[in-house]
N, C-alpha and C. Protein backbone atom coordinates (compact mmCIF):
# COMPACT_ATOMS: atom_id res chain seq x y z
N MET A 1 136.96 67.01 78.00
CA MET A 1 135.61 67.02 77.49
C MET A 1 134.98 68.37 77.80
N SER A 2 134.49 69.04 76.79
CA SER A 2 133.88 70.35 76.95
C SER A 2 132.36 70.23 76.84
N ILE A 3 131.68 70.92 77.74
CA ILE A 3 130.22 70.89 77.74
C ILE A 3 129.72 72.22 77.20
N ASP A 4 128.92 72.16 76.14
CA ASP A 4 128.34 73.37 75.57
C ASP A 4 127.01 73.61 76.27
N LEU A 5 126.96 74.62 77.10
CA LEU A 5 125.75 74.90 77.88
C LEU A 5 124.87 75.96 77.24
N ASN A 6 125.20 76.37 76.00
CA ASN A 6 124.43 77.42 75.32
C ASN A 6 124.16 78.59 76.27
N LEU A 7 125.23 79.15 76.78
CA LEU A 7 125.12 80.19 77.80
C LEU A 7 124.37 81.43 77.34
N ASN A 8 124.27 81.65 76.04
CA ASN A 8 123.65 82.88 75.57
C ASN A 8 122.17 82.76 75.25
N ILE A 9 121.55 81.61 75.51
CA ILE A 9 120.14 81.44 75.20
C ILE A 9 119.27 82.30 76.11
N TYR A 10 119.55 82.32 77.38
CA TYR A 10 118.73 83.03 78.35
C TYR A 10 119.47 84.26 78.89
N PRO A 11 118.71 85.27 79.31
CA PRO A 11 119.36 86.42 79.96
C PRO A 11 119.80 86.04 81.37
N THR A 12 120.72 86.80 81.92
CA THR A 12 121.11 86.57 83.31
C THR A 12 120.03 87.16 84.22
N ALA A 13 120.06 86.75 85.48
CA ALA A 13 119.12 87.32 86.46
C ALA A 13 119.33 88.82 86.55
N GLY A 14 120.57 89.27 86.51
CA GLY A 14 120.87 90.70 86.58
C GLY A 14 120.27 91.48 85.41
N GLN A 15 120.32 90.89 84.23
CA GLN A 15 119.72 91.55 83.07
C GLN A 15 118.21 91.68 83.22
N LEU A 16 117.57 90.64 83.72
CA LEU A 16 116.13 90.68 83.94
C LEU A 16 115.76 91.69 85.04
N GLU A 17 116.58 91.73 86.08
CA GLU A 17 116.34 92.69 87.17
C GLU A 17 116.46 94.13 86.67
N ARG A 18 117.50 94.40 85.88
CA ARG A 18 117.68 95.76 85.34
C ARG A 18 116.55 96.13 84.40
N ALA A 19 116.17 95.21 83.54
CA ALA A 19 115.07 95.48 82.59
C ALA A 19 113.77 95.76 83.35
N THR A 20 113.51 95.00 84.40
CA THR A 20 112.30 95.21 85.19
C THR A 20 112.34 96.57 85.87
N SER A 21 113.47 96.93 86.46
CA SER A 21 113.60 98.24 87.11
C SER A 21 113.34 99.37 86.12
N GLN A 22 113.92 99.27 84.93
CA GLN A 22 113.73 100.31 83.91
C GLN A 22 112.28 100.38 83.46
N ARG A 23 111.65 99.24 83.29
CA ARG A 23 110.25 99.21 82.84
C ARG A 23 109.30 99.75 83.92
N VAL A 24 109.59 99.47 85.20
CA VAL A 24 108.77 99.99 86.30
C VAL A 24 108.89 101.52 86.35
N ARG A 25 110.10 102.01 86.21
CA ARG A 25 110.33 103.46 86.19
C ARG A 25 109.54 104.11 85.04
N ALA A 26 109.59 103.50 83.87
CA ALA A 26 108.87 104.02 82.70
C ALA A 26 107.35 103.95 82.92
N LEU A 27 106.88 102.88 83.54
CA LEU A 27 105.45 102.73 83.83
C LEU A 27 104.97 103.88 84.71
N TYR A 28 105.69 104.15 85.77
CA TYR A 28 105.31 105.25 86.66
C TYR A 28 105.32 106.58 85.91
N SER A 29 106.32 106.79 85.10
CA SER A 29 106.43 108.04 84.36
C SER A 29 105.26 108.21 83.39
N GLN A 30 104.94 107.15 82.64
CA GLN A 30 103.88 107.22 81.64
C GLN A 30 102.50 107.30 82.25
N LYS A 31 102.24 106.50 83.27
CA LYS A 31 100.89 106.41 83.83
C LYS A 31 100.60 107.47 84.89
N TYR A 32 101.63 107.88 85.63
CA TYR A 32 101.40 108.76 86.77
C TYR A 32 102.12 110.09 86.67
N GLY A 33 102.89 110.28 85.60
CA GLY A 33 103.58 111.54 85.41
C GLY A 33 104.62 111.83 86.46
N HIS A 34 105.07 110.80 87.14
CA HIS A 34 106.07 110.95 88.20
C HIS A 34 106.95 109.72 88.21
N GLN A 35 108.25 109.94 88.16
CA GLN A 35 109.18 108.82 88.12
C GLN A 35 109.82 108.64 89.49
N PRO A 36 109.80 107.42 90.04
CA PRO A 36 110.50 107.18 91.30
C PRO A 36 111.99 107.52 91.16
N SER A 37 112.59 108.00 92.24
CA SER A 37 114.01 108.35 92.17
C SER A 37 114.89 107.10 92.11
N LYS A 38 114.39 106.01 92.65
CA LYS A 38 115.18 104.77 92.66
C LYS A 38 114.24 103.57 92.58
N VAL A 39 114.59 102.62 91.72
CA VAL A 39 113.85 101.36 91.61
C VAL A 39 114.86 100.23 91.64
N ASP A 40 114.72 99.34 92.59
CA ASP A 40 115.57 98.16 92.68
C ASP A 40 114.72 96.91 92.51
N CYS A 41 115.29 95.92 91.84
CA CYS A 41 114.57 94.67 91.59
C CYS A 41 115.53 93.51 91.88
N HIS A 42 115.01 92.49 92.55
CA HIS A 42 115.82 91.31 92.86
C HIS A 42 115.00 90.05 92.64
N LEU A 43 115.59 89.10 91.94
CA LEU A 43 114.98 87.80 91.72
C LEU A 43 115.48 86.85 92.80
N LEU A 44 114.54 86.26 93.53
CA LEU A 44 114.88 85.29 94.57
C LEU A 44 114.04 84.03 94.33
N GLY A 45 114.59 83.11 93.58
CA GLY A 45 113.84 81.90 93.23
C GLY A 45 112.66 82.24 92.35
N ASN A 46 111.45 81.99 92.85
CA ASN A 46 110.25 82.32 92.08
C ASN A 46 109.59 83.63 92.56
N LYS A 47 110.36 84.45 93.27
CA LYS A 47 109.85 85.72 93.76
C LYS A 47 110.67 86.88 93.20
N VAL A 48 109.96 87.94 92.82
CA VAL A 48 110.61 89.16 92.36
C VAL A 48 110.28 90.24 93.39
N ILE A 49 111.32 90.81 93.97
CA ILE A 49 111.16 91.84 94.98
C ILE A 49 111.50 93.17 94.32
N ILE A 50 110.59 94.13 94.42
CA ILE A 50 110.80 95.44 93.81
C ILE A 50 110.64 96.50 94.89
N SER A 51 111.63 97.35 95.04
CA SER A 51 111.53 98.47 95.97
C SER A 51 111.65 99.77 95.19
N LEU A 52 110.82 100.73 95.57
CA LEU A 52 110.78 102.02 94.89
C LEU A 52 110.91 103.13 95.92
N GLU A 53 111.66 104.15 95.57
CA GLU A 53 111.81 105.31 96.45
C GLU A 53 111.26 106.55 95.76
N ASP A 54 110.70 107.44 96.56
CA ASP A 54 110.15 108.71 96.08
C ASP A 54 109.03 108.47 95.08
N VAL A 55 108.01 107.72 95.50
CA VAL A 55 106.89 107.42 94.62
C VAL A 55 105.70 108.36 94.82
N ILE A 56 105.72 109.14 95.86
CA ILE A 56 104.59 110.02 96.15
C ILE A 56 104.55 111.12 95.10
N THR A 57 103.39 111.26 94.46
CA THR A 57 103.22 112.24 93.39
C THR A 57 103.06 113.65 93.98
N PRO A 58 103.29 114.67 93.16
CA PRO A 58 103.11 116.04 93.67
C PRO A 58 101.71 116.31 94.24
N ILE A 59 100.68 115.76 93.62
CA ILE A 59 99.34 115.98 94.14
C ILE A 59 99.15 115.30 95.49
N GLU A 60 99.76 114.14 95.67
CA GLU A 60 99.68 113.48 96.97
C GLU A 60 100.43 114.29 98.03
N LYS A 61 101.56 114.87 97.64
CA LYS A 61 102.30 115.71 98.59
C LYS A 61 101.45 116.90 99.02
N LEU A 62 100.72 117.48 98.07
CA LEU A 62 99.83 118.59 98.40
C LEU A 62 98.74 118.12 99.36
N LEU A 63 98.18 116.95 99.11
CA LEU A 63 97.16 116.42 99.99
C LEU A 63 97.70 116.15 101.40
N VAL A 64 98.94 115.67 101.47
CA VAL A 64 99.55 115.42 102.77
C VAL A 64 99.61 116.72 103.58
N GLU A 65 99.93 117.83 102.90
CA GLU A 65 100.06 119.12 103.57
C GLU A 65 98.72 119.75 103.92
N THR A 66 97.67 119.45 103.15
CA THR A 66 96.41 120.19 103.32
C THR A 66 95.21 119.35 103.75
N ALA A 67 95.27 118.06 103.62
CA ALA A 67 94.09 117.22 103.89
C ALA A 67 94.36 116.26 105.04
N SER A 68 93.34 115.54 105.38
CA SER A 68 93.48 114.55 106.45
C SER A 68 94.31 113.37 105.95
N SER A 69 94.99 112.74 106.88
CA SER A 69 95.84 111.60 106.51
C SER A 69 95.01 110.43 106.00
N SER A 70 93.77 110.29 106.48
CA SER A 70 92.94 109.19 106.00
C SER A 70 92.59 109.35 104.52
N LEU A 71 92.39 110.60 104.07
CA LEU A 71 92.12 110.83 102.64
C LEU A 71 93.35 110.48 101.81
N VAL A 72 94.51 110.88 102.26
CA VAL A 72 95.76 110.60 101.54
C VAL A 72 95.99 109.09 101.46
N LYS A 73 95.76 108.39 102.55
CA LYS A 73 95.92 106.94 102.56
C LYS A 73 94.92 106.27 101.62
N GLN A 74 93.71 106.79 101.57
CA GLN A 74 92.69 106.24 100.69
C GLN A 74 93.07 106.44 99.22
N VAL A 75 93.55 107.64 98.88
CA VAL A 75 93.98 107.93 97.50
C VAL A 75 95.14 107.01 97.13
N ARG A 76 96.11 106.87 98.01
CA ARG A 76 97.27 106.03 97.72
C ARG A 76 96.86 104.57 97.59
N SER A 77 95.91 104.14 98.39
CA SER A 77 95.43 102.77 98.29
C SER A 77 94.83 102.50 96.91
N PHE A 78 94.07 103.46 96.38
CA PHE A 78 93.51 103.32 95.04
C PHE A 78 94.63 103.28 93.99
N ILE A 79 95.64 104.11 94.16
CA ILE A 79 96.78 104.11 93.22
C ILE A 79 97.49 102.77 93.26
N ASP A 80 97.74 102.27 94.47
CA ASP A 80 98.42 100.97 94.61
C ASP A 80 97.62 99.85 93.95
N GLU A 81 96.31 99.85 94.15
CA GLU A 81 95.47 98.81 93.54
C GLU A 81 95.44 98.94 92.02
N ALA A 82 95.54 100.18 91.52
CA ALA A 82 95.53 100.39 90.07
C ALA A 82 96.83 99.92 89.43
N ILE A 83 97.93 100.05 90.14
CA ILE A 83 99.22 99.70 89.54
C ILE A 83 99.52 98.20 89.64
N LYS A 84 98.92 97.50 90.58
CA LYS A 84 99.22 96.07 90.76
C LYS A 84 99.05 95.24 89.49
N PRO A 85 97.91 95.31 88.79
CA PRO A 85 97.79 94.47 87.59
C PRO A 85 98.78 94.86 86.49
N GLN A 86 99.09 96.14 86.41
CA GLN A 86 100.08 96.59 85.41
C GLN A 86 101.47 96.05 85.76
N LEU A 87 101.78 96.06 87.05
CA LEU A 87 103.06 95.54 87.52
C LEU A 87 103.15 94.03 87.29
N GLN A 88 102.06 93.32 87.55
CA GLN A 88 102.03 91.87 87.32
C GLN A 88 102.27 91.55 85.85
N GLU A 89 101.63 92.29 84.97
CA GLU A 89 101.79 92.06 83.53
C GLU A 89 103.23 92.35 83.10
N LEU A 90 103.78 93.44 83.60
CA LEU A 90 105.15 93.83 83.27
C LEU A 90 106.14 92.74 83.70
N VAL A 91 105.98 92.24 84.93
CA VAL A 91 106.89 91.20 85.45
C VAL A 91 106.72 89.91 84.66
N ALA A 92 105.48 89.53 84.37
CA ALA A 92 105.24 88.29 83.61
C ALA A 92 105.88 88.37 82.23
N GLU A 93 105.77 89.52 81.57
CA GLU A 93 106.38 89.69 80.25
C GLU A 93 107.90 89.65 80.33
N THR A 94 108.46 90.32 81.31
CA THR A 94 109.91 90.40 81.41
C THR A 94 110.54 89.05 81.77
N PHE A 95 109.95 88.35 82.73
CA PHE A 95 110.52 87.09 83.21
C PHE A 95 109.99 85.88 82.44
N GLN A 96 109.00 86.09 81.56
CA GLN A 96 108.42 85.01 80.75
C GLN A 96 107.87 83.88 81.62
N VAL A 97 107.24 84.27 82.74
CA VAL A 97 106.62 83.31 83.66
C VAL A 97 105.33 83.95 84.17
N ASN A 98 104.27 83.15 84.30
CA ASN A 98 103.01 83.67 84.84
C ASN A 98 103.18 84.11 86.28
N VAL A 99 102.42 85.13 86.65
CA VAL A 99 102.41 85.64 88.02
C VAL A 99 101.22 85.03 88.75
N THR A 100 101.46 84.50 89.94
CA THR A 100 100.36 83.93 90.73
C THR A 100 99.83 84.89 91.77
N ASN A 101 100.66 85.83 92.22
CA ASN A 101 100.22 86.78 93.25
C ASN A 101 101.15 87.98 93.25
N CYS A 102 100.59 89.10 93.71
CA CYS A 102 101.38 90.33 93.82
C CYS A 102 100.96 91.06 95.08
N LEU A 103 101.91 91.32 95.94
CA LEU A 103 101.67 92.11 97.14
C LEU A 103 102.33 93.46 96.92
N TYR A 104 101.59 94.54 97.13
CA TYR A 104 102.13 95.87 96.83
C TYR A 104 101.61 96.85 97.88
N ASP A 105 102.49 97.68 98.42
CA ASP A 105 102.07 98.66 99.41
C ASP A 105 103.02 99.85 99.39
N THR A 106 102.51 100.98 99.88
CA THR A 106 103.29 102.21 99.93
C THR A 106 103.24 102.78 101.34
N ALA A 107 104.38 103.24 101.81
CA ALA A 107 104.45 103.97 103.08
C ALA A 107 104.48 105.46 102.73
N ILE A 108 103.39 106.15 103.00
CA ILE A 108 103.28 107.56 102.62
C ILE A 108 104.31 108.41 103.35
N ASP A 109 104.57 108.10 104.61
CA ASP A 109 105.50 108.92 105.39
C ASP A 109 106.94 108.86 104.87
N THR A 110 107.33 107.75 104.24
CA THR A 110 108.69 107.65 103.70
C THR A 110 108.74 107.82 102.18
N GLY A 111 107.59 107.70 101.53
CA GLY A 111 107.53 107.80 100.07
C GLY A 111 108.06 106.57 99.36
N CYS A 112 108.13 105.47 100.08
CA CYS A 112 108.66 104.22 99.50
C CYS A 112 107.53 103.23 99.25
N SER A 113 107.67 102.47 98.18
CA SER A 113 106.74 101.39 97.86
C SER A 113 107.53 100.10 97.73
N GLY A 114 106.83 99.00 97.90
CA GLY A 114 107.46 97.71 97.73
C GLY A 114 106.50 96.71 97.16
N ALA A 115 107.02 95.80 96.36
CA ALA A 115 106.21 94.74 95.77
C ALA A 115 106.93 93.42 95.93
N ILE A 116 106.15 92.41 96.22
CA ILE A 116 106.61 91.03 96.17
C ILE A 116 105.73 90.36 95.13
N VAL A 117 106.34 89.96 94.03
CA VAL A 117 105.62 89.33 92.94
C VAL A 117 105.99 87.86 92.93
N ILE A 118 104.99 87.02 93.07
CA ILE A 118 105.23 85.58 93.15
C ILE A 118 104.95 84.97 91.78
N LEU A 119 105.95 84.30 91.25
CA LEU A 119 105.87 83.69 89.92
C LEU A 119 105.41 82.24 90.03
N ALA A 120 104.77 81.75 88.99
CA ALA A 120 104.29 80.37 88.96
C ALA A 120 105.44 79.38 88.95
N ASP A 121 106.61 79.82 88.47
CA ASP A 121 107.77 78.94 88.37
C ASP A 121 109.03 79.79 88.43
N VAL A 122 110.15 79.16 88.65
CA VAL A 122 111.43 79.87 88.63
C VAL A 122 111.76 80.18 87.17
N PRO A 123 112.08 81.44 86.85
CA PRO A 123 112.37 81.78 85.45
C PRO A 123 113.68 81.17 84.97
N GLN A 124 113.74 80.95 83.66
CA GLN A 124 114.97 80.44 83.04
C GLN A 124 115.98 81.58 82.95
N VAL A 125 117.11 81.41 83.57
CA VAL A 125 118.18 82.41 83.50
C VAL A 125 119.50 81.68 83.28
N ARG A 126 120.41 82.40 82.67
CA ARG A 126 121.75 81.81 82.55
C ARG A 126 122.61 82.39 83.66
N ARG A 127 123.56 81.63 84.04
CA ARG A 127 124.50 82.09 85.07
C ARG A 127 125.62 82.86 84.37
N PRO A 128 126.19 83.85 85.06
CA PRO A 128 127.30 84.58 84.45
C PRO A 128 128.47 83.64 84.18
N LYS A 129 129.28 83.99 83.19
CA LYS A 129 130.43 83.15 82.83
C LYS A 129 131.34 82.89 84.02
N SER A 130 131.43 83.86 84.93
CA SER A 130 132.30 83.70 86.10
C SER A 130 131.86 82.53 86.96
N PHE A 131 130.59 82.14 86.88
CA PHE A 131 130.08 81.02 87.65
C PHE A 131 130.76 79.72 87.23
N TYR A 132 131.13 79.60 85.96
CA TYR A 132 131.68 78.37 85.43
C TYR A 132 133.20 78.30 85.48
N LYS A 133 133.83 79.38 85.87
CA LYS A 133 135.30 79.37 85.96
C LYS A 133 135.75 78.55 87.15
N LYS A 134 136.82 77.80 86.95
CA LYS A 134 137.36 76.99 88.04
C LYS A 134 138.06 77.90 89.04
N LYS A 135 137.94 77.55 90.28
CA LYS A 135 138.55 78.33 91.35
C LYS A 135 139.85 77.72 91.78
């Protein structure tokens, strides 16, 4: 007896993760004129974890060298708050699930940012064909 699971209806988690990483990179490039050197995305149940490297813009680097650290942190805080709703919309569109919360922060000293995006539900994904192979 063969079970037709319509494996091609939904994207795999890996496909959604790659699409999200690419869209986040494009968002940074379009909105901030600076592309992170690395963007990783992982789906864990109803949570999407996004890590970004080298997110500090050239103007922020200049501020780090010439201004007080409190000013740089304040500028970055405004940037982080500005990107959160855009990131939430991007994730909701990609995963086809509403976002209930988004935590986002940047470490200026390392140039890394991270987001934890909490989805209203676990997204529909298909498992890779290797999942169904008998061992």
